[in-house]
Amino acid sequence: MHESAPAPATETRHVPISPLGERLSALRLCEAAALTSVRRSLAAHGQLSAITVFAAPDGLEIIDGFKRVRAARALGWGTVLARIDDVDAIDAKLRLRELHDRRGLTELEEAWLVRSLFREDRVAQAEIARRMGRHKSWVWRRLMLVEALDLEVQADVRLGLIAARAAVAVSRLPRGNQQAASAVVIRRGLTVRQTDQLVEELLAETDVTRRATMLAHRLASPPPSPPPGPSPLRTPRRDADAMGADILRIHALAARLEARLLATPLETLTPAAAELTREALGRLAPVVRTLGAMIDHACAQGAA
């Protein structure tokens, strides 16, 4: 049972978007598809629920509503409706967990929260357990999870390249094997169950060199080959299937790029990285415009 805490004093009003801080976003995952969905919902229906913030010494900081704020910024909004909780930084982090109690945080998000309270706020593990309504062993396991997981693998999770549950499985491996294992999961498109199986196979191999060789082989091996035989003849149906597959891939990539541009504005990057990204986007823009014109033409022909 979670310890019940008195509800914080609050007020609800519209606040400017631009100065809102996102320090606590480091404790949350932000899926590209979810961010795109929120942007479309805001554009179609407006803001249906207030975000939650608290007053830090240097301004308002978001507790809940990171996707809504990023989407609203991308849409050019100047203000959002916000519930302002009268809490300090530690209570704000605990409030973040309370606000997601029904849907639940992932194990990794819980681990980031525990580490932040323990390392940054110097809250003792026993006190974290008391405040979160958990046993001390639960707090210790979450802390060990995040401190055992390679930072590069954590970055892969934040980028949406590997699922949080798959990263938890990878954390069972020695640090020296984790980046390679994450790369195998990403390149081979392994499911969480397949990642568990991979980790079990690697842990069964006690020789460090042979384990590294296993990972290198998995990483270098080509994808499954099609069965031998003559190449199938092209048919209108096969051409349509191929175009349909390309359309789905482009749609997915476009949504992911849109979400990443929403989640990480170029001005938040280093100057060199921002310039390289702008150049790449500049090269992409005419390709997208040409493709858009061809799509419009093809659709117009069908409507004629």
Foldseek 3Di string as FASTA:
>chain_A
DADDDDFFDKDKDKDFLVVEAEPVCVLAADDLLVLLVLLVCCVVPNDPDAFEWEQAPVGIYGLGDLSNSLSCVVVVDGITMYMYGHDYPLVSLVVSQVVCVVVGGDLLSVLVSLCCCCPVVVDDLCVVCNNGVHDSVSSVVSPLQNVLQDPVLVVCCNLVQDPPLLSSLLSVDHNVCSVLLSLLCNVQVDDSVVSNVLSVVLVVDPDPVVSVVVSVCSNPDDDDDDDDDDDDDDDPVVVVVVVVVVVVVVVVVVSSVVSVCSSDPLVNDDPVVSVVVVVVVVVVVVVVVVVVVVVVVVVVVVVD
